[in-house]
């Protein structure tokens, strides 16, 4: 189980604080993962999503490549009533064991007030 903190950079120029809890089931650097992520925006609005996916190693064994899916499960402030889903891809450098990125692509709708 891991805790991750960082920043999320959105296509519209917004930056949100990211906090995630994740469970990994790996053997020799490959396996599955699942968890929850919270994005907190400067105005206090939040988006909560649930994600899962698989890690595989590159042919040279230096990179873990991530592929998976996510769904929006809750929101507050301007994201109240969020509903949607998408996919994500990413990778990290196994040699250093430090640093990774994920690229989330999805769509959402908001419930009318």
PDB file of N, CA and C in Angstrom:
ATOM      1  N   UNK A   1       0.844  -1.163   0.000  1.00  0.00           N
ATOM      2  CA  UNK A   1       0.000   0.000   0.000  1.00  0.00           C
ATOM      3  C   UNK A   1       0.894   1.232   0.000  1.00  0.00           C
ATOM      4  N   UNK A   2       0.545   2.229  -0.814  1.00  0.00           N
ATOM      5  CA  UNK A   2       1.340   3.448  -0.891  1.00  0.00           C
ATOM      6  C   UNK A   2       0.434   4.676  -0.824  1.00  0.00           C
ATOM      7  N   UNK A   3       1.016   5.763  -0.345  1.00  0.00           N
ATOM      8  CA  UNK A   3       0.386   7.078  -0.354  1.00  0.00           C
ATOM      9  C   UNK A   3       1.176   7.939  -1.331  1.00  0.00           C
ATOM     10  N   UNK A   4       0.483   8.675  -2.174  1.00  0.00           N
ATOM     11  CA  UNK A   4       1.130   9.526  -3.170  1.00  0.00           C
ATOM     12  C   UNK A   4       0.589  10.946  -3.023  1.00  0.00           C
ATOM     13  N   UNK A   5       1.485  11.918  -3.077  1.00  0.00           N
ATOM     14  CA  UNK A   5       1.094  13.331  -3.069  1.00  0.00           C
ATOM     15  C   UNK A   5       1.839  14.020  -4.199  1.00  0.00           C
ATOM     16  N   UNK A   6       1.168  14.981  -4.809  1.00  0.00           N
ATOM     17  CA  UNK A   6       1.807  15.708  -5.899  1.00  0.00           C
ATOM     18  C   UNK A   6       0.888  16.773  -6.447  1.00  0.00           C
ATOM     19  N   UNK A   7       1.113  17.127  -7.692  1.00  0.00           N
ATOM     20  CA  UNK A   7       0.309  18.131  -8.375  1.00  0.00           C
ATOM     21  C   UNK A   7      -0.280  17.530  -9.641  1.00  0.00           C
ATOM     22  N   UNK A   8      -1.493  17.973  -9.965  1.00  0.00           N
ATOM     23  CA  UNK A   8      -2.153  17.586 -11.214  1.00  0.00           C
ATOM     24  C   UNK A   8      -2.252  18.827 -12.088  1.00  0.00           C
ATOM     25  N   UNK A   9      -1.812  18.723 -13.330  1.00  0.00           N
ATOM     26  CA  UNK A   9      -1.861  19.829 -14.286  1.00  0.00           C
ATOM     27  C   UNK A   9      -2.950  19.514 -15.306  1.00  0.00           C
ATOM     28  N   UNK A  10      -3.994  20.332 -15.329  1.00  0.00           N
ATOM     29  CA  UNK A  10      -5.123  20.095 -16.214  1.00  0.00           C
ATOM     30  C   UNK A  10      -4.961  20.838 -17.532  1.00  0.00           C
ATOM     31  N   UNK A  11      -5.622  20.322 -18.575  1.00  0.00           N
ATOM     32  CA  UNK A  11      -5.523  20.918 -19.908  1.00  0.00           C
ATOM     33  C   UNK A  11      -5.948  22.383 -19.937  1.00  0.00           C
ATOM     34  N   UNK A  12      -6.849  22.797 -19.056  1.00  0.00           N
ATOM     35  CA  UNK A  12      -7.335  24.183 -19.069  1.00  0.00           C
ATOM     36  C   UNK A  12      -6.448  25.132 -18.261  1.00  0.00           C
ATOM     37  N   UNK A  13      -5.287  24.654 -17.818  1.00  0.00           N
ATOM     38  CA  UNK A  13      -4.344  25.496 -17.096  1.00  0.00           C
ATOM     39  C   UNK A  13      -4.458  25.446 -15.584  1.00  0.00           C
ATOM     40  N   UNK A  14      -5.475  24.795 -15.069  1.00  0.00           N
ATOM     41  CA  UNK A  14      -5.618  24.672 -13.618  1.00  0.00           C
ATOM     42  C   UNK A  14      -4.576  23.711 -13.051  1.00  0.00           C
ATOM     43  N   UNK A  15      -4.207  23.972 -11.804  1.00  0.00           N
ATOM     44  CA  UNK A  15      -3.324  23.076 -11.070  1.00  0.00           C
ATOM     45  C   UNK A  15      -4.049  22.700  -9.787  1.00  0.00           C
ATOM     46  N   UNK A  16      -4.058  21.415  -9.458  1.00  0.00           N
ATOM     47  CA  UNK A  16      -4.717  20.932  -8.246  1.00  0.00           C
ATOM     48  C   UNK A  16      -3.730  20.116  -7.421  1.00  0.00           C
ATOM     49  N   UNK A  17      -3.897  20.153  -6.110  1.00  0.00           N
ATOM     50  CA  UNK A  17      -3.125  19.256  -5.242  1.00  0.00           C
ATOM     51  C   UNK A  17      -3.720  17.866  -5.385  1.00  0.00           C
ATOM     52  N   UNK A  18      -2.851  16.861  -5.467  1.00  0.00           N
ATOM     53  CA  UNK A  18      -3.272  15.478  -5.648  1.00  0.00           C
ATOM     54  C   UNK A  18      -2.858  14.670  -4.427  1.00  0.00           C
ATOM     55  N   UNK A  19      -3.777  13.869  -3.940  1.00  0.00           N
ATOM     56  CA  UNK A  19      -3.494  12.925  -2.865  1.00  0.00           C
ATOM     57  C   UNK A  19      -4.129  11.597  -3.250  1.00  0.00           C
ATOM     58  N   UNK A  20      -3.361  10.507  -3.184  1.00  0.00           N
ATOM     59  CA  UNK A  20      -3.879   9.198  -3.586  1.00  0.00           C
ATOM     60  C   UNK A  20      -3.410   8.116  -2.622  1.00  0.00           C
ATOM     61  N   UNK A  21      -4.275   7.136  -2.424  1.00  0.00           N
ATOM     62  CA  UNK A  21      -3.945   5.913  -1.693  1.00  0.00           C
ATOM     63  C   UNK A  21      -4.122   4.768  -2.663  1.00  0.00           C
ATOM     64  N   UNK A  22      -3.147   3.861  -2.665  1.00  0.00           N
ATOM     65  CA  UNK A  22      -3.117   2.839  -3.699  1.00  0.00           C
ATOM     66  C   UNK A  22      -2.628   1.519  -3.118  1.00  0.00           C
ATOM     67  N   UNK A  23      -3.221   0.430  -3.583  1.00  0.00           N
ATOM     68  CA  UNK A  23      -2.786  -0.913  -3.220  1.00  0.00           C
ATOM     69  C   UNK A  23      -2.159  -1.548  -4.453  1.00  0.00           C
ATOM     70  N   UNK A  24      -0.951  -2.078  -4.292  1.00  0.00           N
ATOM     71  CA  UNK A  24      -0.228  -2.724  -5.386  1.00  0.00           C
ATOM     72  C   UNK A  24      -0.138  -4.222  -5.135  1.00  0.00           C
ATOM     73  N   UNK A  25      -0.279  -5.004  -6.182  1.00  0.00           N
ATOM     74  CA  UNK A  25      -0.080  -6.452  -6.109  1.00  0.00           C
ATOM     75  C   UNK A  25       0.918  -6.794  -7.210  1.00  0.00           C
ATOM     76  N   UNK A  26       2.212  -6.739  -6.869  1.00  0.00           N
ATOM     77  CA  UNK A  26       3.278  -6.873  -7.859  1.00  0.00           C
ATOM     78  C   UNK A  26       4.192  -8.062  -7.577  1.00  0.00           C
ATOM     79  N   UNK A  27       4.688  -8.659  -8.656  1.00  0.00           N
ATOM     80  CA  UNK A  27       5.738  -9.665  -8.602  1.00  0.00           C
ATOM     81  C   UNK A  27       6.764  -9.249  -9.642  1.00  0.00           C
ATOM     82  N   UNK A  28       8.020  -9.056  -9.205  1.00  0.00           N
ATOM     83  CA  UNK A  28       9.109  -8.642 -10.105  1.00  0.00           C
ATOM     84  C   UNK A  28       8.766  -7.385 -10.905  1.00  0.00           C
ATOM     85  N   UNK A  29       8.120  -6.415 -10.259  1.00  0.00           N
ATOM     86  CA  UNK A  29       7.845  -5.132 -10.903  1.00  0.00           C
ATOM     87  C   UNK A  29       6.620  -5.072 -11.780  1.00  0.00           C
ATOM     88  N   UNK A  30       5.875  -6.173 -11.888  1.00  0.00           N
ATOM     89  CA  UNK A  30       4.669  -6.186 -12.712  1.00  0.00           C
ATOM     90  C   UNK A  30       3.484  -6.647 -11.880  1.00  0.00           C
ATOM     91  N   UNK A  31       2.296  -6.160 -12.259  1.00  0.00           N
ATOM     92  CA  UNK A  31       1.105  -6.591 -11.550  1.00  0.00           C
ATOM     93  C   UNK A  31      -0.019  -5.583 -11.682  1.00  0.00           C
ATOM     94  N   UNK A  32      -0.905  -5.594 -10.691  1.00  0.00           N
ATOM     95  CA  UNK A  32      -2.078  -4.737 -10.727  1.00  0.00           C
ATOM     96  C   UNK A  32      -2.017  -3.690  -9.617  1.00  0.00           C
ATOM     97  N   UNK A  33      -2.805  -2.658  -9.775  1.00  0.00           N
ATOM     98  CA  UNK A  33      -2.940  -1.626  -8.752  1.00  0.00           C
ATOM     99  C   UNK A  33      -4.364  -1.105  -8.764  1.00  0.00           C
ATOM    100  N   UNK A  34      -4.787  -0.554  -7.637  1.00  0.00           N
ATOM    101  CA  UNK A  34      -6.101   0.079  -7.534  1.00  0.00           C
ATOM    102  C   UNK A  34      -6.070   1.046  -6.377  1.00  0.00           C
ATOM    103  N   UNK A  35      -6.890   2.076  -6.468  1.00  0.00           N
ATOM    104  CA  UNK A  35      -6.895   3.043  -5.391  1.00  0.00           C
ATOM    105  C   UNK A  35      -7.863   4.178  -5.617  1.00  0.00           C
ATOM    106  N   UNK A  36      -7.686   5.212  -4.802  1.00  0.00           N
ATOM    107  CA  UNK A  36      -8.532   6.404  -4.817  1.00  0.00           C
ATOM    108  C   UNK A  36      -7.653   7.641  -4.870  1.00  0.00           C
ATOM    109  N   UNK A  37      -8.155   8.674  -5.542  1.00  0.00           N
ATOM    110  CA  UNK A  37      -7.407   9.910  -5.714  1.00  0.00           C
ATOM    111  C   UNK A  37      -8.328  11.091  -5.417  1.00  0.00           C
ATOM    112  N   UNK A  38      -7.785  12.099  -4.748  1.00  0.00           N
ATOM    113  CA  UNK A  38      -8.521  13.329  -4.491  1.00  0.00           C
ATOM    114  C   UNK A  38      -7.736  14.490  -5.087  1.00  0.00           C
ATOM    115  N   UNK A  39      -8.405  15.286  -5.911  1.00  0.00           N
ATOM    116  CA  UNK A  39      -7.840  16.523  -6.426  1.00  0.00           C
ATOM    117  C   UNK A  39      -8.479  17.671  -5.658  1.00  0.00           C
ATOM    118  N   UNK A  40      -7.661  18.561  -5.105  1.00  0.00           N
ATOM    119  CA  UNK A  40      -8.160  19.722  -4.380  1.00  0.00           C
ATOM    120  C   UNK A  40      -7.690  20.980  -5.098  1.00  0.00           C
ATOM    121  N   UNK A  41      -8.644  21.807  -5.497  1.00  0.00           N
ATOM    122  CA  UNK A  41      -8.365  23.013  -6.263  1.00  0.00           C
ATOM    123  C   UNK A  41      -8.222  24.222  -5.347  1.00  0.00           C
ATOM    124  N   UNK A  42      -7.666  25.283  -5.890  1.00  0.00           N
ATOM    125  CA  UNK A  42      -7.384  26.487  -5.113  1.00  0.00           C
ATOM    126  C   UNK A  42      -8.641  27.049  -4.438  1.00  0.00           C
ATOM    127  N   UNK A  43      -9.809  26.914  -5.074  1.00  0.00           N
ATOM    128  CA  UNK A  43     -11.042  27.434  -4.491  1.00  0.00           C
ATOM    129  C   UNK A  43     -11.676  26.471  -3.477  1.00  0.00           C
ATOM    130  N   UNK A  44     -11.004  25.341  -3.205  1.00  0.00           N
ATOM    131  CA  UNK A  44     -11.508  24.359  -2.245  1.00  0.00           C
ATOM    132  C   UNK A  44     -12.360  23.262  -2.862  1.00  0.00           C
ATOM    133  N   UNK A  45     -12.741  23.389  -4.124  1.00  0.00           N
ATOM    134  CA  UNK A  45     -13.502  22.346  -4.807  1.00  0.00           C
ATOM    135  C   UNK A  45     -12.661  21.076  -4.902  1.00  0.00           C
ATOM    136  N   UNK A  46     -13.330  19.924  -4.898  1.00  0.00           N
ATOM    137  CA  UNK A  46     -12.612  18.653  -4.977  1.00  0.00           C
ATOM    138  C   UNK A  46     -13.240  17.727  -6.015  1.00  0.00           C
ATOM    139  N   UNK A  47     -12.406  16.810  -6.496  1.00  0.00           N
ATOM    140  CA  UNK A  47     -12.849  15.692  -7.333  1.00  0.00           C
ATOM    141  C   UNK A  47     -12.252  14.424  -6.732  1.00  0.00           C
ATOM    142  N   UNK A  48     -13.094  13.417  -6.521  1.00  0.00           N
ATOM    143  CA  UNK A  48     -12.638  12.119  -6.021  1.00  0.00           C
ATOM    144  C   UNK A  48     -12.839  11.091  -7.125  1.00  0.00           C
ATOM    145  N   UNK A  49     -11.807  10.297  -7.386  1.00  0.00           N
ATOM    146  CA  UNK A  49     -11.923   9.246  -8.399  1.00  0.00           C
ATOM    147  C   UNK A  49     -11.370   7.930  -7.871  1.00  0.00           C
ATOM    148  N   UNK A  50     -11.857   6.860  -8.472  1.00  0.00           N
ATOM    149  CA  UNK A  50     -11.387   5.503  -8.172  1.00  0.00           C
ATOM    150  C   UNK A  50     -10.686   5.015  -9.436  1.00  0.00           C
ATOM    151  N   UNK A  51      -9.523   4.362  -9.286  1.00  0.00           N
ATOM    152  CA  UNK A  51      -8.768   3.917 -10.449  1.00  0.00           C
ATOM    153  C   UNK A  51      -8.252   2.497 -10.244  1.00  0.00           C
ATOM    154  N   UNK A  52      -7.931   1.856 -11.360  1.00  0.00           N
ATOM    155  CA  UNK A  52      -7.288   0.540 -11.333  1.00  0.00           C
ATOM    156  C   UNK A  52      -6.571   0.322 -12.652  1.00  0.00           C
ATOM    157  N   UNK A  53      -5.571  -0.555 -12.614  1.00  0.00           N
ATOM    158  CA  UNK A  53      -4.836  -0.827 -13.842  1.00  0.00           C
ATOM    159  C   UNK A  53      -3.763  -1.869 -13.644  1.00  0.00           C
ATOM    160  N   UNK A  54      -2.898  -1.980 -14.652  1.00  0.00           N
ATOM    161  CA  UNK A  54      -1.808  -2.959 -14.646  1.00  0.00           C
ATOM    162  C   UNK A  54      -0.482  -2.287 -14.970  1.00  0.00           C
ATOM    163  N   UNK A  55       0.575  -2.796 -14.347  1.00  0.00           N
ATOM    164  CA  UNK A  55       1.949  -2.379 -14.634  1.00  0.00           C
ATOM    165  C   UNK A  55       2.629  -3.503 -15.400  1.00  0.00           C
ATOM    166  N   UNK A  56       3.377  -3.140 -16.433  1.00  0.00           N
ATOM    167  CA  UNK A  56       4.238  -4.095 -17.126  1.00  0.00           C
ATOM    168  C   UNK A  56       5.609  -3.459 -17.276  1.00  0.00           C
ATOM    169  N   UNK A  57       6.619  -4.272 -17.393  1.00  0.00           N
ATOM    170  CA  UNK A  57       7.979  -3.761 -17.580  1.00  0.00           C
ATOM    171  C   UNK A  57       8.304  -3.626 -19.058  1.00  0.00           C
ATOM    172  N   UNK A  58       9.086  -2.593 -19.389  1.00  0.00           N
ATOM    173  CA  UNK A  58       9.580  -2.446 -20.749  1.00  0.00           C
ATOM    174  C   UNK A  58      10.532  -3.603 -21.046  1.00  0.00           C
ATOM    175  N   UNK A  59      10.855  -3.784 -22.308  1.00  0.00           N
ATOM    176  CA  UNK A  59      11.716  -4.906 -22.702  1.00  0.00           C
ATOM    177  C   UNK A  59      13.059  -4.895 -21.988  1.00  0.00           C
ATOM    178  N   UNK A  60      13.614  -3.703 -21.732  1.00  0.00           N
ATOM    179  CA  UNK A  60      14.911  -3.632 -21.056  1.00  0.00           C
ATOM    180  C   UNK A  60      14.779  -3.678 -19.526  1.00  0.00           C
ATOM    181  N   UNK A  61      13.550  -3.736 -19.011  1.00  0.00           N
ATOM    182  CA  UNK A  61      13.327  -3.848 -17.571  1.00  0.00           C
ATOM    183  C   UNK A  61      13.559  -2.573 -16.791  1.00  0.00           C
ATOM    184  N   UNK A  62      13.761  -1.448 -17.478  1.00  0.00           N
ATOM    185  CA  UNK A  62      14.052  -0.188 -16.776  1.00  0.00           C
ATOM    186  C   UNK A  62      12.813   0.649 -16.495  1.00  0.00           C
ATOM    187  N   UNK A  63      11.741   0.431 -17.231  1.00  0.00           N
ATOM    188  CA  UNK A  63      10.542   1.243 -17.073  1.00  0.00           C
ATOM    189  C   UNK A  63       9.345   0.384 -16.708  1.00  0.00           C
ATOM    190  N   UNK A  64       8.547   0.871 -15.775  1.00  0.00           N
ATOM    191  CA  UNK A  64       7.240   0.268 -15.530  1.00  0.00           C
ATOM    192  C   UNK A  64       6.243   1.109 -16.317  1.00  0.00           C
ATOM    193  N   UNK A  65       5.428   0.454 -17.110  1.00  0.00           N
ATOM    194  CA  UNK A  65       4.435   1.132 -17.931  1.00  0.00           C
ATOM    195  C   UNK A  65       3.066   0.865 -17.324  1.00  0.00           C
ATOM    196  N   UNK A  66       2.298   1.937 -17.071  1.00  0.00           N
ATOM    197  CA  UNK A  66       0.982   1.834 -16.434  1.00  0.00           C
ATOM    198  C   UNK A  66      -0.116   2.008 -17.478  1.00  0.00           C
ATOM    199  N   UNK A  67      -1.175   1.212 -17.358  1.00  0.00           N
ATOM    200  CA  UNK A  67      -2.376   1.384 -18.170  1.00  0.00           C
ATOM    201  C   UNK A  67      -3.571   1.011 -17.324  1.00  0.00           C
ATOM    202  N   UNK A  68      -4.612   1.865 -17.361  1.00  0.00           N
ATOM    203  CA  UNK A  68      -5.780   1.547 -16.573  1.00  0.00           C
ATOM    204  C   UNK A  68      -6.964   2.441 -16.862  1.00  0.00           C
ATOM    205  N   UNK A  69      -7.945   2.339 -15.972  1.00  0.00           N
ATOM    206  CA  UNK A  69      -9.200   3.070 -16.093  1.00  0.00           C
ATOM    207  C   UNK A  69      -9.497   3.783 -14.791  1.00  0.00           C
ATOM    208  N   UNK A  70     -10.371   4.796 -14.853  1.00  0.00           N
ATOM    209  CA  UNK A  70     -10.807   5.483 -13.647  1.00  0.00           C
ATOM    210  C   UNK A  70     -12.251   5.936 -13.805  1.00  0.00           C
ATOM    211  N   UNK A  71     -12.874   6.232 -12.683  1.00  0.00           N
ATOM    212  CA  UNK A  71     -14.206   6.824 -12.705  1.00  0.00           C
ATOM    213  C   UNK A  71     -14.303   7.875 -11.618  1.00  0.00           C
ATOM    214  N   UNK A  72     -15.010   8.955 -11.935  1.00  0.00           N
ATOM    215  CA  UNK A  72     -15.265   9.998 -10.951  1.00  0.00           C
ATOM    216  C   UNK A  72     -16.376   9.511 -10.035  1.00  0.00           C
ATOM    217  N   UNK A  73     -16.153   9.576  -8.713  1.00  0.00           N
ATOM    218  CA  UNK A  73     -17.163   9.050  -7.791  1.00  0.00           C
ATOM    219  C   UNK A  73     -17.736  10.104  -6.847  1.00  0.00           C
ATOM    220  N   UNK A  74     -17.109  11.286  -6.757  1.00  0.00           N
ATOM    221  CA  UNK A  74     -17.635  12.330  -5.880  1.00  0.00           C
ATOM    222  C   UNK A  74     -16.968  13.655  -6.232  1.00  0.00           C
ATOM    223  N   UNK A  75     -17.626  14.724  -5.858  1.00  0.00           N
ATOM    224  CA  UNK A  75     -17.062  16.045  -6.070  1.00  0.00           C
ATOM    225  C   UNK A  75     -17.715  17.030  -5.120  1.00  0.00           C
ATOM    226  N   UNK A  76     -17.038  18.145  -4.894  1.00  0.00           N
ATOM    227  CA  UNK A  76     -17.601  19.193  -4.056  1.00  0.00           C
ATOM    228  C   UNK A  76     -17.368  20.545  -4.719  1.00  0.00           C
ATOM    229  N   UNK A  77     -18.046  21.576  -4.215  1.00  0.00           N
ATOM    230  CA  UNK A  77     -17.914  22.898  -4.807  1.00  0.00           C
ATOM    231  C   UNK A  77     -18.404  22.880  -6.240  1.00  0.00           C
ATOM    232  N   UNK A  78     -17.610  23.412  -7.143  1.00  0.00           N
ATOM    233  CA  UNK A  78     -18.034  23.476  -8.541  1.00  0.00           C
ATOM    234  C   UNK A  78     -18.065  22.124  -9.236  1.00  0.00           C
ATOM    235  N   UNK A  79     -17.603  21.059  -8.547  1.00  0.00           N
ATOM    236  CA  UNK A  79     -17.653  19.704  -9.101  1.00  0.00           C
ATOM    237  C   UNK A  79     -18.712  18.836  -8.410  1.00  0.00           C
ATOM    238  N   UNK A  80     -19.601  19.453  -7.666  1.00  0.00           N
ATOM    239  CA  UNK A  80     -20.705  18.729  -7.017  1.00  0.00           C
ATOM    240  C   UNK A  80     -21.502  17.988  -8.093  1.00  0.00           C
ATOM    241  N   UNK A  81     -21.788  16.704  -7.844  1.00  0.00           N
ATOM    242  CA  UNK A  81     -22.573  15.907  -8.786  1.00  0.00           C
ATOM    243  C   UNK A  81     -21.790  15.396  -9.984  1.00  0.00           C
ATOM    244  N   UNK A  82     -20.459  15.380  -9.904  1.00  0.00           N
ATOM    245  CA  UNK A  82     -19.643  14.923 -11.035  1.00  0.00           C
ATOM    246  C   UNK A  82     -19.906  13.449 -11.328  1.00  0.00           C
ATOM    247  N   UNK A  83     -19.911  13.120 -12.609  1.00  0.00           N
ATOM    248  CA  UNK A  83     -20.093  11.744 -13.057  1.00  0.00           C
ATOM    249  C   UNK A  83     -19.309  11.596 -14.362  1.00  0.00           C
ATOM    250  N   UNK A  84     -18.512  10.546 -14.468  1.00  0.00           N
ATOM    251  CA  UNK A  84     -17.758  10.331 -15.693  1.00  0.00           C
ATOM    252  C   UNK A  84     -16.699   9.273 -15.505  1.00  0.00           C
ATOM    253  N   UNK A  85     -15.918   9.082 -16.555  1.00  0.00           N
ATOM    254  CA  UNK A  85     -14.892   8.034 -16.529  1.00  0.00           C
ATOM    255  C   UNK A  85     -13.840   8.311 -17.582  1.00  0.00           C
ATOM    256  N   UNK A  86     -12.803   7.481 -17.578  1.00  0.00           N
ATOM    257  CA  UNK A  86     -11.754   7.629 -18.565  1.00  0.00           C
ATOM    258  C   UNK A  86     -10.672   6.576 -18.408  1.00  0.00           C
ATOM    259  N   UNK A  87      -9.552   6.848 -19.061  1.00  0.00           N
ATOM    260  CA  UNK A  87      -8.409   5.936 -19.033  1.00  0.00           C
ATOM    261  C   UNK A  87      -7.168   6.706 -18.597  1.00  0.00           C
ATOM    262  N   UNK A  88      -6.138   5.966 -18.226  1.00  0.00           N
ATOM    263  CA  UNK A  88      -4.860   6.603 -17.900  1.00  0.00           C
ATOM    264  C   UNK A  88      -3.709   5.711 -18.357  1.00  0.00           C
ATOM    265  N   UNK A  89      -2.613   6.379 -18.683  1.00  0.00           N
ATOM    266  CA  UNK A  89      -1.372   5.708 -19.036  1.00  0.00           C
ATOM    267  C   UNK A  89      -0.235   6.438 -18.334  1.00  0.00           C
ATOM    268  N   UNK A  90       0.898   5.805 -18.217  1.00  0.00           N
ATOM    269  CA  UNK A  90       2.043   6.463 -17.597  1.00  0.00           C
ATOM    270  C   UNK A  90       3.216   5.524 -17.492  1.00  0.00           C
ATOM    271  N   UNK A  91       4.240   6.013 -16.783  1.00  0.00           N
ATOM    272  CA  UNK A  91       5.424   5.174 -16.579  1.00  0.00           C
ATOM    273  C   UNK A  91       6.269   5.750 -15.454  1.00  0.00           C
ATOM    274  N   UNK A  92       7.179   4.925 -14.959  1.00  0.00           N
ATOM    275  CA  UNK A  92       8.194   5.397 -14.021  1.00  0.00           C
ATOM    276  C   UNK A  92       9.528   4.758 -14.377  1.00  0.00           C
ATOM    277  N   UNK A  93      10.577   5.290 -13.793  1.00  0.00           N
ATOM    278  CA  UNK A  93      11.917   4.771 -14.057  1.00  0.00           C
ATOM    279  C   UNK A  93      12.318   3.821 -12.944  1.00  0.00           C
ATOM    280  N   UNK A  94      12.386   2.547 -13.257  1.00  0.00           N
ATOM    281  CA  UNK A  94      12.683   1.517 -12.263  1.00  0.00           C
ATOM    282  C   UNK A  94      14.109   1.639 -11.731  1.00  0.00           C
ATOM    283  N   UNK A  95      15.042   2.153 -12.526  1.00  0.00           N
ATOM    284  CA  UNK A  95      16.437   2.239 -12.093  1.00  0.00           C
ATOM    285  C   UNK A  95      16.580   3.108 -10.847  1.00  0.00           C
ATOM    286  N   UNK A  96      15.900   4.239 -10.817  1.00  0.00           N
ATOM    287  CA  UNK A  96      16.017   5.130  -9.660  1.00  0.00           C
ATOM    288  C   UNK A  96      14.951   4.831  -8.619  1.00  0.00           C
ATOM    289  N   UNK A  97      13.816   4.267  -9.045  1.00  0.00           N
ATOM    290  CA  UNK A  97      12.722   4.007  -8.114  1.00  0.00           C
ATOM    291  C   UNK A  97      12.016   5.281  -7.670  1.00  0.00           C
ATOM    292  N   UNK A  98      12.360   6.396  -8.292  1.00  0.00           N
ATOM    293  CA  UNK A  98      11.785   7.683  -7.894  1.00  0.00           C
ATOM    294  C   UNK A  98      11.119   8.330  -9.095  1.00  0.00           C
ATOM    295  N   UNK A  99       9.929   8.835  -8.885  1.00  0.00           N
ATOM    296  CA  UNK A  99       9.268   9.614  -9.912  1.00  0.00           C
ATOM    297  C   UNK A  99       8.488   8.797 -10.911  1.00  0.00           C
ATOM    298  N   UNK A 100       7.313   9.282 -11.212  1.00  0.00           N
ATOM    299  CA  UNK A 100       6.473   8.689 -12.234  1.00  0.00           C
ATOM    300  C   UNK A 100       5.489   9.738 -12.699  1.00  0.00           C
ATOM    301  N   UNK A 101       4.827   9.461 -13.800  1.00  0.00           N
ATOM    302  CA  UNK A 101       3.757  10.344 -14.242  1.00  0.00           C
ATOM    303  C   UNK A 101       2.612   9.498 -14.763  1.00  0.00           C
ATOM    304  N   UNK A 102       1.419  10.073 -14.709  1.00  0.00           N
ATOM    305  CA  UNK A 102       0.232   9.462 -15.288  1.00  0.00           C
ATOM    306  C   UNK A 102      -0.482  10.513 -16.110  1.00  0.00           C
ATOM    307  N   UNK A 103      -1.022  10.117 -17.235  1.00  0.00           N
ATOM    308  CA  UNK A 103      -1.800  10.993 -18.098  1.00  0.00           C
ATOM    309  C   UNK A 103      -3.232  10.467 -18.099  1.00  0.00           C
ATOM    310  N   UNK A 104      -4.137  11.223 -17.489  1.00  0.00           N
ATOM    311  CA  UNK A 104      -5.548  10.848 -17.408  1.00  0.00           C
ATOM    312  C   UNK A 104      -6.311  11.519 -18.537  1.00  0.00           C
ATOM    313  N   UNK A 105      -7.134  10.765 -19.250  1.00  0.00           N
ATOM    314  CA  UNK A 105      -7.995  11.271 -20.314  1.00  0.00           C
ATOM    315  C   UNK A 105      -9.411  10.799 -20.029  1.00  0.00           C
ATOM    316  N   UNK A 106     -10.330  11.724 -19.817  1.00  0.00           N
ATOM    317  CA  UNK A 106     -11.689  11.323 -19.519  1.00  0.00           C
ATOM    318  C   UNK A 106     -12.670  12.429 -19.790  1.00  0.00           C
ATOM    319  N   UNK A 107     -13.927  12.111 -19.570  1.00  0.00           N
ATOM    320  CA  UNK A 107     -15.003  13.077 -19.716  1.00  0.00           C
ATOM    321  C   UNK A 107     -15.889  13.003 -18.482  1.00  0.00           C
ATOM    322  N   UNK A 108     -16.564  14.125 -18.203  1.00  0.00           N
ATOM    323  CA  UNK A 108     -17.490  14.146 -17.081  1.00  0.00           C
ATOM    324  C   UNK A 108     -18.652  15.076 -17.359  1.00  0.00           C
ATOM    325  N   UNK A 109     -19.712  14.866 -16.601  1.00  0.00           N
ATOM    326  CA  UNK A 109     -20.859  15.762 -16.581  1.00  0.00           C
ATOM    327  C   UNK A 109     -21.112  16.141 -15.139  1.00  0.00           C
ATOM    328  N   UNK A 110     -21.823  17.239 -14.954  1.00  0.00           N
ATOM    329  CA  UNK A 110     -22.211  17.684 -13.626  1.00  0.00           C
ATOM    330  C   UNK A 110     -23.737  17.677 -13.546  1.00  0.00           C
ATOM    331  N   UNK A 111     -24.258  17.225 -12.412  1.00  0.00           N
ATOM    332  CA  UNK A 111     -25.704  17.250 -12.209  1.00  0.00           C
ATOM    333  C   UNK A 111     -26.168  18.694 -12.134  1.00  0.00           C
ATOM    334  N   UNK A 112     -27.324  18.993 -12.743  1.00  0.00           N
ATOM    335  CA  UNK A 112     -27.836  20.365 -12.621  1.00  0.00           C
ATOM    336  C   UNK A 112     -28.222  20.641 -11.176  1.00  0.00           C
ATOM    337  N   UNK A 113     -28.095  21.913 -10.767  1.00  0.00           N
ATOM    338  CA  UNK A 113     -28.443  22.298  -9.380  1.00  0.00           C
ATOM    339  C   UNK A 113     -29.889  22.091  -9.084  1.00  0.00           C
TER     340      UNK A 113
END
